[in-house]
Every structure is written in C-alpha cells, then in structure tokens.
Amino acid sequence: MRPTTRLRALLQAPEFLVMPGAHDALSAKLAERAGFDAIVMGGFPVTGSLLAAPDSSQLGLAELAEHYRRVTGAVDIPLFVDADTGFGNVSNVRRTTRELERAGVAGFFIEDQVFPKRCGHTPGKAVVPVEEMIAKVKAAADARTDGDLVVVARTDALAVEGLEAAIERGGLYREAGADMLFVEAPTSVEQMRRIIGDLGGLHLANMIDFGMTPDRDASELQEIGYACGLWGLSSIFTMTKALIDLYASIQADGTSANARDRMVTFDEFTAIVGLPQMREAEQRELDFAKSLAQAKD
C-alpha cells in the first residue's frame, strides 16, 4: 500500500491516529521502531534542527523537500509534513505539491498566514485574505498526481480574526478541496468542540508542549471529535534538553562517563541504523561476485 493510501485509511478509520513529531531521519526511524503508524514533521523542529533558527519561513521548498526525501527513504510508515504557506502564489503551490509528492510524503498542510509566517503558538500572526488561501487549497488539490495524497488546510485566523472567522474559513477551505482541517491554537476545550461541531469532517489537533491549546491525551481528543493528533515538537524539545544535560556533564567532569546511563551503546546504535544488515548485504554481493568469477575459470 502506498504511504498516501495508508495515511488516508488511517485518518478515515474509527481509531484515533497518534502522530509523534520527528525532526530528522534518525528520529523518524526511532518513532517507527516504537510502533507508530505515521509521523509528522513540521517547520518548527526542522528549522531548529537544520539551522538552529526560529520557525519563520527561513527554509525554502527545495531544502524542505530534500530533507523530507531523506526521511521517507529511511522509514516505511507515512510521513505527514509542513508545507508552510505554500511558498508563494497558486503557481508556487502547484510546484510545492509536485515536489512534496516526489519526496515521498503521504500528506501535507498549508496555512493561511502572511509570509514570512510565525509559529502558530506565538503572538503577532497575520493571515492572508480568505480568497488567496481558497485558491491555494484548490491549487494543491488539483495539482496532485496521486489522488490519495492528503491535503490539509490550516488556518491561523482564530488568534487574528476570532473563532467565527476561523470556522468560516475552515468551511471554505474544505469546499475548495481540503481533505482535513487544521484550526490552529484553540485556547479552550469549548472552542475545540465548537470547531468540530460546526464544521464536521476530519480535523487534526496540534498538541504543542507548553503551547496555547489545552493539553489533552488521545482518548480525550477522540471524544472531542478529532481524527488525529500531532505531538510535533516533543522530539526536538526532548533532544535539546538531553544535549544540554550531556554537554553540561562533559564540561563539568571532563568526561562523558557520568552521562552514559542516558545513552544507547555503540552496538545498540549501529543496530538501530542498520549496520548489521548493511554488512550482510555487502557480503552477499561479494559472495555472488566470487562464485560467478570462479564459475568462469
């Protein structure tokens, strides 16, 4: 089953889909190894990981597509990604859709913020006119060559124009062709219920650690009416804290020995990234070459 088809089926299933965040190929592989059915990769952790910079449209389409391509090459589970504001007008959105398809992603979301965007849980956001975003959603839906590619429309209008405007935008984006809606940063469970109740259809919940949206677990989000939940920043926050602690330990002690209880071993790491399988494959090819050469003698 193609990753796109698999993600679409997971979102339409009665079971709630939990998507943890990854920020690179290794974290994606670890999420897959933990048993998750799909993963999400957003601009916030990718920008932080690649540039050590804030999430403010500093990565371009080509950089993100290449990064996503490396991730889809490392895992078999569907990857759902951030397409920022679509990187321009409707023509750019069509190209964005094609490039992300070629990168092997299973779905993506585009948002209606003004470029350069801001993290959805920070102040000072602004949104484009609704007609501009409607056109972008339609462009993305129409540009698909794989009809199962999941196109999600995100609106940040709640913090800018209020709940009613966000709901109105969501309905228009669905009519334009969005498969699922992403109303960013509701600040109460009442708002979350109102969004689902008024709009219906598939919705995702964005669970940002230390963010503006009430912290709810998977069962609670399913009861509210969401189809899936994203825990997109947890991996980069956890990695950052772990490395802060590691470097402090080495600085204080002149050795990493006191941090080794928080490490995998050398052999464990090489097993995770597939060194034994690589060596076995190399040996099979060498054995084949040797047997073929001997047969010709």
Protein backbone atom coordinates (compact mmCIF):
# COMPACT_ATOMS: atom_id res chain seq x y z
CA MET A 1 0.00 0.00 0.00
CA ARG A 2 1.33 3.44 -0.92
CA PRO A 3 2.10 5.74 2.03
CA THR A 4 -0.55 8.17 0.78
CA THR A 5 -3.21 5.45 0.69
CA ARG A 6 -2.13 4.20 4.09
CA LEU A 7 -2.33 7.66 5.70
CA ARG A 8 -5.75 8.32 4.18
CA ALA A 9 -7.01 5.00 5.53
CA LEU A 10 -5.62 5.71 9.00
CA LEU A 11 -7.32 9.11 9.10
CA GLN A 12 -10.66 7.69 7.98
CA ALA A 13 -10.54 4.73 10.39
CA PRO A 14 -12.59 4.78 13.61
CA GLU A 15 -9.39 4.62 15.67
CA PHE A 16 -7.70 7.86 16.63
CA LEU A 17 -4.34 8.35 14.88
CA VAL A 18 -1.42 9.45 17.08
CA MET A 19 1.39 11.09 15.10
CA PRO A 20 4.54 11.92 17.05
CA GLY A 21 6.90 14.51 15.68
CA ALA A 22 10.28 13.78 14.15
CA HIS A 23 12.90 16.30 13.07
CA ASP A 24 15.28 14.14 11.01
CA ALA A 25 15.69 10.65 9.58
CA LEU A 26 17.02 9.17 12.82
CA SER A 27 14.16 10.45 14.98
CA ALA A 28 11.72 9.22 12.33
CA LYS A 29 13.28 5.76 12.41
CA LEU A 30 13.06 5.70 16.20
CA ALA A 31 9.35 6.63 16.04
CA GLU A 32 8.76 3.84 13.53
CA ARG A 33 10.71 1.42 15.74
CA ALA A 34 8.46 2.41 18.68
CA GLY A 35 5.44 1.18 16.74
CA PHE A 36 3.74 4.36 15.49
CA ASP A 37 1.70 4.09 12.28
CA ALA A 38 2.60 7.56 10.94
CA ILE A 39 4.76 10.55 11.85
CA VAL A 40 4.65 14.31 11.40
CA MET A 41 7.47 16.68 10.58
CA GLY A 42 6.85 20.41 10.97
CA GLY A 43 8.76 23.53 10.09
CA PHE A 44 9.49 24.41 13.72
CA PRO A 45 11.63 21.34 14.57
CA VAL A 46 13.18 21.09 11.11
CA THR A 47 14.26 24.75 11.11
CA GLY A 48 15.55 24.37 14.64
CA SER A 49 17.46 21.21 13.75
CA LEU A 50 18.92 22.30 10.41
CA LEU A 51 19.54 26.00 11.06
CA ALA A 52 19.31 26.43 14.84
CA ALA A 53 16.87 29.19 13.92
CA PRO A 54 13.25 30.05 14.74
CA ASP A 55 10.26 28.92 12.69
CA SER A 56 9.79 31.95 10.43
CA SER A 57 9.87 30.71 6.81
CA GLN A 58 13.66 30.56 6.69
CA LEU A 59 13.76 27.21 4.88
CA GLY A 60 12.74 27.11 1.23
CA LEU A 61 10.84 24.46 -0.69
CA ALA A 62 13.93 22.77 -2.11
CA GLU A 63 15.58 22.48 1.31
CA LEU A 64 12.46 21.06 2.93
CA ALA A 65 11.72 18.66 0.08
CA GLU A 66 15.25 17.29 0.21
CA HIS A 67 15.04 16.86 3.97
CA TYR A 68 11.68 15.08 3.67
CA ARG A 69 13.10 12.87 0.92
CA ARG A 70 15.85 11.65 3.22
CA VAL A 71 13.25 10.82 5.87
CA THR A 72 10.93 8.91 3.55
CA GLY A 73 13.98 6.95 2.40
CA ALA A 74 14.68 5.89 5.98
CA VAL A 75 11.21 4.73 7.08
CA ASP A 76 8.27 2.80 5.67
CA ILE A 77 5.48 4.49 7.64
CA PRO A 78 3.68 7.55 6.18
CA LEU A 79 5.25 10.97 6.69
CA PHE A 80 2.90 13.97 7.08
CA VAL A 81 4.66 17.29 6.66
CA ASP A 82 4.52 21.07 6.84
CA ALA A 83 4.31 22.94 3.52
CA ASP A 84 4.45 26.35 5.21
CA THR A 85 2.41 28.93 3.27
CA GLY A 86 2.89 27.05 0.00
CA PHE A 87 5.99 29.14 -0.82
CA GLY A 88 4.19 31.77 -2.88
CA ASN A 89 1.07 32.09 -5.01
CA VAL A 90 -1.05 29.39 -6.61
CA SER A 91 1.64 28.57 -9.18
CA ASN A 92 4.14 28.04 -6.37
CA VAL A 93 1.62 25.88 -4.51
CA ARG A 94 1.24 23.63 -7.55
CA ARG A 95 5.01 23.19 -7.70
CA THR A 96 5.14 22.63 -3.93
CA THR A 97 2.60 19.84 -4.27
CA ARG A 98 4.54 18.13 -7.04
CA GLU A 99 7.87 18.43 -5.23
CA LEU A 100 6.48 17.02 -2.00
CA GLU A 101 4.88 14.15 -3.91
CA ARG A 102 8.27 13.38 -5.46
CA ALA A 103 9.82 13.49 -1.98
CA GLY A 104 7.51 10.64 -0.99
CA VAL A 105 5.40 12.36 1.66
CA ALA A 106 1.93 10.98 2.39
CA GLY A 107 0.30 14.34 3.06
CA PHE A 108 0.96 17.94 3.95
CA PHE A 109 -0.67 21.04 5.35
CA ILE A 110 -0.57 24.58 4.03
CA GLU A 111 -1.53 27.59 6.10
CA ASP A 112 -3.14 30.96 5.58
CA GLN A 113 -0.57 33.08 7.38
CA VAL A 114 1.15 36.01 5.73
CA PHE A 115 4.69 35.20 4.59
CA PRO A 116 7.03 35.03 6.46
CA LYS A 117 4.90 33.01 8.86
CA ARG A 118 5.29 32.64 12.61
CA CYS A 119 4.94 29.61 14.83
CA GLY A 120 1.22 29.13 15.39
CA HIS A 121 1.57 29.43 19.18
CA THR A 122 3.36 32.79 19.18
CA PRO A 123 1.85 36.30 19.06
CA GLY A 124 1.92 38.70 16.15
CA LYS A 125 0.47 36.45 13.44
CA ALA A 126 -1.34 37.79 10.38
CA VAL A 127 -3.45 35.95 7.79
CA VAL A 128 -3.88 36.45 4.07
CA PRO A 129 -7.27 37.34 2.54
CA VAL A 130 -9.51 34.30 2.52
CA GLU A 131 -9.78 34.25 -1.29
CA GLU A 132 -6.00 33.89 -1.57
CA MET A 133 -5.98 30.80 0.66
CA ILE A 134 -9.01 29.26 -1.08
CA ALA A 135 -7.11 29.48 -4.36
CA LYS A 136 -4.04 27.86 -2.78
CA VAL A 137 -6.05 24.94 -1.38
CA LYS A 138 -7.67 24.33 -4.76
CA ALA A 139 -4.29 24.55 -6.49
CA ALA A 140 -2.84 21.95 -4.13
CA ALA A 141 -5.80 19.59 -4.54
CA ASP A 142 -5.79 19.93 -8.32
CA ALA A 143 -2.01 19.52 -8.67
CA ARG A 144 -1.95 16.04 -7.11
CA THR A 145 -0.94 13.21 -9.41
CA ASP A 146 -1.67 10.74 -6.59
CA GLY A 147 -5.30 11.19 -5.65
CA ASP A 148 -4.65 9.76 -2.19
CA LEU A 149 -2.15 12.46 -1.23
CA VAL A 150 -3.70 14.10 1.84
CA VAL A 151 -4.05 17.89 1.55
CA VAL A 152 -4.78 19.64 4.83
CA ALA A 153 -5.75 23.31 5.15
CA ARG A 154 -4.58 25.12 8.26
CA THR A 155 -6.00 28.42 9.42
CA ASP A 156 -4.41 30.71 11.98
CA ALA A 157 -7.36 33.08 11.86
CA LEU A 158 -8.62 32.24 15.36
CA ALA A 159 -5.92 34.34 17.02
CA VAL A 160 -6.24 37.14 14.46
CA GLU A 161 -9.90 37.41 13.47
CA GLY A 162 -11.65 35.28 16.10
CA LEU A 163 -13.38 31.92 16.31
CA GLU A 164 -16.24 32.71 13.94
CA ALA A 165 -13.87 33.78 11.19
CA ALA A 166 -11.72 30.69 11.70
CA ILE A 167 -14.76 28.44 11.38
CA GLU A 168 -15.94 30.28 8.27
CA ARG A 169 -12.51 29.92 6.69
CA GLY A 170 -12.40 26.23 7.54
CA GLY A 171 -15.67 25.59 5.75
CA LEU A 172 -14.50 27.45 2.65
CA TYR A 173 -11.18 25.59 2.60
CA ARG A 174 -12.99 22.26 2.72
CA GLU A 175 -15.19 23.33 -0.20
CA ALA A 176 -12.01 24.22 -2.09
CA GLY A 177 -10.74 20.64 -1.77
CA ALA A 178 -9.05 20.19 1.61
CA ASP A 179 -9.24 16.62 2.89
CA MET A 180 -8.85 17.64 6.52
CA LEU A 181 -8.92 20.88 8.50
CA PHE A 182 -6.38 22.22 10.98
CA VAL A 183 -7.66 25.14 13.04
CA GLU A 184 -4.53 26.23 14.87
CA ALA A 185 -4.25 27.18 18.54
CA PRO A 186 -7.73 26.92 20.09
CA THR A 187 -7.37 28.05 23.69
CA SER A 188 -10.15 26.02 25.32
CA VAL A 189 -11.92 22.69 25.01
CA GLU A 190 -15.11 24.65 24.35
CA GLN A 191 -13.51 26.21 21.28
CA MET A 192 -12.30 22.79 20.13
CA ARG A 193 -15.81 21.33 20.44
CA ARG A 194 -17.31 24.29 18.61
CA ILE A 195 -14.89 23.91 15.71
CA ILE A 196 -15.64 20.20 15.29
CA GLY A 197 -19.36 20.63 15.82
CA ASP A 198 -19.79 23.46 13.33
CA LEU A 199 -17.52 22.12 10.61
CA GLY A 200 -17.76 18.32 10.85
CA GLY A 201 -15.47 16.17 8.74
CA LEU A 202 -11.87 15.31 9.57
CA HIS A 203 -9.85 17.53 11.89
CA LEU A 204 -6.39 17.32 13.42
CA ALA A 205 -5.40 18.52 16.88
CA ASN A 206 -1.99 20.13 17.26
CA MET A 207 -0.67 19.30 20.73
CA ILE A 208 2.19 21.73 21.32
CA ASP A 209 4.07 21.15 24.57
CA PHE A 210 3.85 24.36 26.63
CA GLY A 211 1.60 25.86 23.93
CA MET A 212 -1.74 27.67 23.95
CA THR A 213 -4.06 24.69 23.32
CA PRO A 214 -5.28 22.67 26.32
CA ASP A 215 -3.19 19.55 26.84
CA ARG A 216 -5.38 16.52 26.10
CA ASP A 217 -4.48 12.88 25.51
CA ALA A 218 -5.51 10.76 22.55
CA SER A 219 -8.69 9.38 24.11
CA GLU A 220 -9.86 12.86 25.12
CA LEU A 221 -9.16 14.28 21.67
CA GLN A 222 -11.05 11.44 20.03
CA GLU A 223 -14.01 12.08 22.31
CA ILE A 224 -13.99 15.75 21.26
CA GLY A 225 -14.16 14.59 17.64
CA TYR A 226 -10.64 14.80 16.24
CA ALA A 227 -9.38 12.18 13.78
CA CYS A 228 -5.72 12.55 14.73
CA GLY A 229 -3.33 14.36 17.00
CA LEU A 230 0.13 15.76 16.36
CA TRP A 231 2.83 15.89 19.01
CA GLY A 232 5.16 17.66 16.61
CA LEU A 233 7.62 19.47 18.88
CA SER A 234 8.18 16.89 21.59
CA SER A 235 11.16 15.24 19.87
CA ILE A 236 13.12 18.44 19.32
CA PHE A 237 12.37 19.68 22.85
CA THR A 238 13.47 16.35 24.33
CA MET A 239 16.63 16.16 22.23
CA THR A 240 17.55 19.73 23.16
CA LYS A 241 17.19 19.05 26.89
CA ALA A 242 19.17 15.81 26.62
CA LEU A 243 22.06 17.54 24.83
CA ILE A 244 22.07 20.47 27.24
CA ASP A 245 22.47 17.97 30.08
CA LEU A 246 25.12 15.96 28.23
CA TYR A 247 27.29 18.96 27.38
CA ALA A 248 26.99 20.30 30.92
CA SER A 249 28.16 16.94 32.23
CA ILE A 250 31.19 16.81 29.92
CA GLN A 251 32.05 20.42 30.72
CA ALA A 252 31.85 19.81 34.47
CA ASP A 253 33.51 16.39 34.61
CA GLY A 254 35.88 16.36 31.66
CA THR A 255 34.33 13.06 30.55
CA SER A 256 31.04 11.68 29.28
CA ALA A 257 31.16 8.76 31.72
CA ASN A 258 28.60 10.25 34.09
CA ALA A 259 26.06 10.58 31.28
CA ARG A 260 26.30 7.05 29.91
CA ASP A 261 23.25 5.82 31.77
CA ARG A 262 21.30 8.07 29.41
CA MET A 263 22.97 6.74 26.23
CA VAL A 264 22.48 3.77 23.96
CA THR A 265 25.62 1.72 23.49
CA PHE A 266 27.75 1.72 20.33
CA ASP A 267 26.34 -1.66 19.30
CA GLU A 268 22.76 -0.60 20.05
CA PHE A 269 23.11 2.48 17.87
CA THR A 270 24.65 0.64 14.93
CA ALA A 271 21.84 -1.91 15.16
CA ILE A 272 19.22 0.85 15.05
CA VAL A 273 20.71 2.41 11.91
CA GLY A 274 21.09 -0.97 10.21
CA LEU A 275 24.82 -1.68 10.16
CA PRO A 276 24.44 -5.50 10.57
CA GLN A 277 22.00 -5.64 7.64
CA MET A 278 24.33 -3.48 5.53
CA ARG A 279 27.26 -5.79 6.22
CA GLU A 280 25.15 -8.86 5.39
CA ALA A 281 24.08 -7.33 2.08
CA GLU A 282 27.67 -6.43 1.23
CA GLN A 283 28.78 -9.98 1.95
CA ARG A 284 26.01 -11.46 -0.21
CA GLU A 285 27.15 -9.34 -3.15
CA LEU A 286 30.78 -10.25 -2.60
CA ASP A 287 29.94 -13.95 -2.32
CA PHE A 288 27.90 -13.73 -5.54
CA ALA A 289 30.75 -11.99 -7.35
CA LYS A 290 33.25 -14.58 -6.13
CA SER A 291 31.07 -17.55 -7.14
CA LEU A 292 30.39 -16.06 -10.59
CA ALA A 293 34.08 -15.33 -11.19
CA GLN A 294 35.06 -18.86 -10.10
CA ALA A 295 32.45 -20.40 -12.42
CA LYS A 296 34.09 -18.62 -15.37
CA ASP A 297 37.55 -20.05 -14.56
